C-alpha atoms as a PDB file:
ATOM      1  CA  UNK A   1       8.798  15.069 -10.415  1.00  0.00           C
ATOM      2  CA  UNK A   2       5.089  14.323 -10.587  1.00  0.00           C
ATOM      3  CA  UNK A   3       3.769  12.182  -7.742  1.00  0.00           C
ATOM      4  CA  UNK A   4       1.414   9.603  -9.276  1.00  0.00           C
ATOM      5  CA  UNK A   5      -0.681   7.107  -7.354  1.00  0.00           C
ATOM      6  CA  UNK A   6       1.282   3.916  -7.981  1.00  0.00           C
ATOM      7  CA  UNK A   7      -0.319   1.219  -5.810  1.00  0.00           C
ATOM      8  CA  UNK A   8      -3.448   0.395  -3.802  1.00  0.00           C
ATOM      9  CA  UNK A   9      -3.617  -2.033  -0.914  1.00  0.00           C
ATOM     10  CA  UNK A  10      -6.150  -3.713   1.373  1.00  0.00           C
ATOM     11  CA  UNK A  11      -4.584  -4.811   4.686  1.00  0.00           C
ATOM     12  CA  UNK A  12      -6.877  -7.268   6.430  1.00  0.00           C
ATOM     13  CA  UNK A  13      -7.082  -9.239   9.677  1.00  0.00           C
ATOM     14  CA  UNK A  14      -8.267 -12.134   7.456  1.00  0.00           C
ATOM     15  CA  UNK A  15      -6.693 -11.687   4.009  1.00  0.00           C
ATOM     16  CA  UNK A  16      -7.942 -15.064   2.774  1.00  0.00           C
ATOM     17  CA  UNK A  17     -11.557 -14.063   3.513  1.00  0.00           C
ATOM     18  CA  UNK A  18     -10.940 -10.661   1.917  1.00  0.00           C
ATOM     19  CA  UNK A  19      -9.546 -12.328  -1.231  1.00  0.00           C
ATOM     20  CA  UNK A  20     -12.505 -14.723  -1.354  1.00  0.00           C
ATOM     21  CA  UNK A  21     -15.017 -11.878  -1.024  1.00  0.00           C
ATOM     22  CA  UNK A  22     -13.527  -9.645  -3.724  1.00  0.00           C
ATOM     23  CA  UNK A  23     -12.763 -12.632  -5.949  1.00  0.00           C
ATOM     24  CA  UNK A  24     -16.391 -13.726  -5.735  1.00  0.00           C
ATOM     25  CA  UNK A  25     -17.745 -10.217  -6.171  1.00  0.00           C
ATOM     26  CA  UNK A  26     -15.468  -8.913  -8.949  1.00  0.00           C
ATOM     27  CA  UNK A  27     -13.793 -12.049 -10.360  1.00  0.00           C
ATOM     28  CA  UNK A  28     -10.366 -10.947  -9.099  1.00  0.00           C
ATOM     29  CA  UNK A  29      -7.602 -13.574  -9.018  1.00  0.00           C
ATOM     30  CA  UNK A  30      -4.373 -13.580  -7.038  1.00  0.00           C
ATOM     31  CA  UNK A  31      -1.594 -15.044  -9.183  1.00  0.00           C
ATOM     32  CA  UNK A  32       1.477 -13.592  -7.478  1.00  0.00           C
ATOM     33  CA  UNK A  33       2.787 -13.563  -3.906  1.00  0.00           C
ATOM     34  CA  UNK A  34       4.506 -10.448  -2.600  1.00  0.00           C
ATOM     35  CA  UNK A  35       7.381  -9.898  -0.185  1.00  0.00           C
ATOM     36  CA  UNK A  36       5.346 -10.684   2.975  1.00  0.00           C
ATOM     37  CA  UNK A  37       3.781 -14.091   3.702  1.00  0.00           C
ATOM     38  CA  UNK A  38       0.094 -13.920   2.814  1.00  0.00           C
ATOM     39  CA  UNK A  39       0.570 -10.813   0.641  1.00  0.00           C
ATOM     40  CA  UNK A  40      -0.810 -11.240  -2.878  1.00  0.00           C
ATOM     41  CA  UNK A  41      -1.136  -9.018  -5.883  1.00  0.00           C
ATOM     42  CA  UNK A  42      -4.573  -8.700  -7.489  1.00  0.00           C
ATOM     43  CA  UNK A  43      -5.297  -9.468 -11.122  1.00  0.00           C
ATOM     44  CA  UNK A  44      -8.429  -7.432 -11.857  1.00  0.00           C
ATOM     45  CA  UNK A  45      -8.585  -8.695 -15.433  1.00  0.00           C
ATOM     46  CA  UNK A  46      -7.744  -5.218 -16.768  1.00  0.00           C
ATOM     47  CA  UNK A  47      -4.323  -4.965 -18.455  1.00  0.00           C
ATOM     48  CA  UNK A  48      -2.030  -2.225 -17.116  1.00  0.00           C
ATOM     49  CA  UNK A  49      -4.374  -1.325 -14.252  1.00  0.00           C
ATOM     50  CA  UNK A  50      -3.120   0.125 -10.957  1.00  0.00           C
ATOM     51  CA  UNK A  51      -0.999  -2.338  -8.962  1.00  0.00           C
ATOM     52  CA  UNK A  52      -3.225  -3.567  -6.153  1.00  0.00           C
ATOM     53  CA  UNK A  53      -2.608  -6.045  -3.338  1.00  0.00           C
ATOM     54  CA  UNK A  54      -4.351  -7.749  -0.427  1.00  0.00           C
ATOM     55  CA  UNK A  55      -2.209  -8.463   2.605  1.00  0.00           C
ATOM     56  CA  UNK A  56      -2.210  -9.420   6.249  1.00  0.00           C
ATOM     57  CA  UNK A  57      -1.998  -6.587   8.739  1.00  0.00           C
ATOM     58  CA  UNK A  58       1.267  -4.701   8.924  1.00  0.00           C
ATOM     59  CA  UNK A  59       0.203  -2.658  11.923  1.00  0.00           C
ATOM     60  CA  UNK A  60      -2.679  -2.366  14.345  1.00  0.00           C
ATOM     61  CA  UNK A  61      -5.794  -2.527  12.202  1.00  0.00           C
ATOM     62  CA  UNK A  62      -7.447  -3.115   8.860  1.00  0.00           C
ATOM     63  CA  UNK A  63      -6.605  -0.475   6.288  1.00  0.00           C
ATOM     64  CA  UNK A  64      -7.478   0.395   2.707  1.00  0.00           C
ATOM     65  CA  UNK A  65      -5.056   2.892   1.208  1.00  0.00           C
ATOM     66  CA  UNK A  66      -3.154   3.988  -1.875  1.00  0.00           C
ATOM     67  CA  UNK A  67       0.537   4.720  -2.356  1.00  0.00           C
ATOM     68  CA  UNK A  68       2.051   7.828  -3.953  1.00  0.00           C
ATOM     69  CA  UNK A  69       5.335   7.592  -5.843  1.00  0.00           C
ATOM     70  CA  UNK A  70       8.157   9.758  -4.454  1.00  0.00           C
ATOM     71  CA  UNK A  71      11.861  10.226  -5.289  1.00  0.00           C
ATOM     72  CA  UNK A  72      13.027  10.732  -1.687  1.00  0.00           C
ATOM     73  CA  UNK A  73      10.961   8.837   0.863  1.00  0.00           C
ATOM     74  CA  UNK A  74      12.977  10.049   3.877  1.00  0.00           C
ATOM     75  CA  UNK A  75      12.688  13.682   2.767  1.00  0.00           C
ATOM     76  CA  UNK A  76       8.971  13.261   2.168  1.00  0.00           C
ATOM     77  CA  UNK A  77       8.481  11.749   5.651  1.00  0.00           C
ATOM     78  CA  UNK A  78      10.303  14.716   7.172  1.00  0.00           C
ATOM     79  CA  UNK A  79       8.273  17.210   5.149  1.00  0.00           C
ATOM     80  CA  UNK A  80       4.998  15.491   6.131  1.00  0.00           C
ATOM     81  CA  UNK A  81       5.938  15.984   9.805  1.00  0.00           C
ATOM     82  CA  UNK A  82       6.847  19.635   9.179  1.00  0.00           C
ATOM     83  CA  UNK A  83       3.383  20.148   7.669  1.00  0.00           C
ATOM     84  CA  UNK A  84       1.631  18.702  10.747  1.00  0.00           C
ATOM     85  CA  UNK A  85       1.251  15.079   9.630  1.00  0.00           C
ATOM     86  CA  UNK A  86       2.761  12.007  11.255  1.00  0.00           C
ATOM     87  CA  UNK A  87       4.322   8.680  10.329  1.00  0.00           C
ATOM     88  CA  UNK A  88       1.936   5.734  10.715  1.00  0.00           C
ATOM     89  CA  UNK A  89       4.376   3.066   9.494  1.00  0.00           C
ATOM     90  CA  UNK A  90       8.113   3.740   9.320  1.00  0.00           C
ATOM     91  CA  UNK A  91      10.035   3.084   6.111  1.00  0.00           C
ATOM     92  CA  UNK A  92      10.179  -0.590   5.109  1.00  0.00           C
ATOM     93  CA  UNK A  93      12.541  -1.869   2.430  1.00  0.00           C
ATOM     94  CA  UNK A  94      11.614  -4.867   0.264  1.00  0.00           C
ATOM     95  CA  UNK A  95      13.247  -5.864  -3.016  1.00  0.00           C
ATOM     96  CA  UNK A  96      12.764  -3.036  -5.501  1.00  0.00           C
ATOM     97  CA  UNK A  97      10.827  -0.621  -3.308  1.00  0.00           C
ATOM     98  CA  UNK A  98      10.795   1.241   0.000  1.00  0.00           C
ATOM     99  CA  UNK A  99       7.439   2.197   1.471  1.00  0.00           C
ATOM    100  CA  UNK A 100       5.931   3.949   4.480  1.00  0.00           C
ATOM    101  CA  UNK A 101       2.539   5.195   5.642  1.00  0.00           C
ATOM    102  CA  UNK A 102       1.784   8.752   6.718  1.00  0.00           C
ATOM    103  CA  UNK A 103      -1.309  10.550   7.954  1.00  0.00           C
ATOM    104  CA  UNK A 104      -2.280  14.149   7.352  1.00  0.00           C
ATOM    105  CA  UNK A 105      -3.224  16.331  10.350  1.00  0.00           C
ATOM    106  CA  UNK A 106      -6.827  15.055  10.103  1.00  0.00           C
ATOM    107  CA  UNK A 107      -5.700  11.401  10.231  1.00  0.00           C
ATOM    108  CA  UNK A 108      -6.154  10.378   6.570  1.00  0.00           C
ATOM    109  CA  UNK A 109      -3.628   7.622   5.844  1.00  0.00           C
ATOM    110  CA  UNK A 110      -1.768   7.309   2.536  1.00  0.00           C
ATOM    111  CA  UNK A 111       1.310   5.382   1.543  1.00  0.00           C
ATOM    112  CA  UNK A 112       4.578   6.530   0.044  1.00  0.00           C
ATOM    113  CA  UNK A 113       6.591   4.349  -2.346  1.00  0.00           C
ATOM    114  CA  UNK A 114      10.108   4.869  -3.683  1.00  0.00           C
ATOM    115  CA  UNK A 115      11.653   2.551  -6.241  1.00  0.00           C
ATOM    116  CA  UNK A 116      15.088   1.348  -5.165  1.00  0.00           C
END
């Protein structure tokens, strides 16, 4: 299976301020809430663009990342560890998707997403 980039996310200590900034700068709107309180999807005004969201923190600090689609999230987490990476955020299940964050050996964080 190919592994496309399927989602981008900005996790912020102040998601309302982050939404206001990018809304003012780029004209983004936020029409849909996600599975976490304060989590919103972004409407960039471009049809069929990459799914993007702004959310409250889901860990220790602010983070901008993208998510890669995988068929087997648990297998991918194990393989990342075998290759010298580590899990930043363990698997989380929300309706329709499971996701996790990993880092490569140099500390670059990316997300994994598996449709359920």
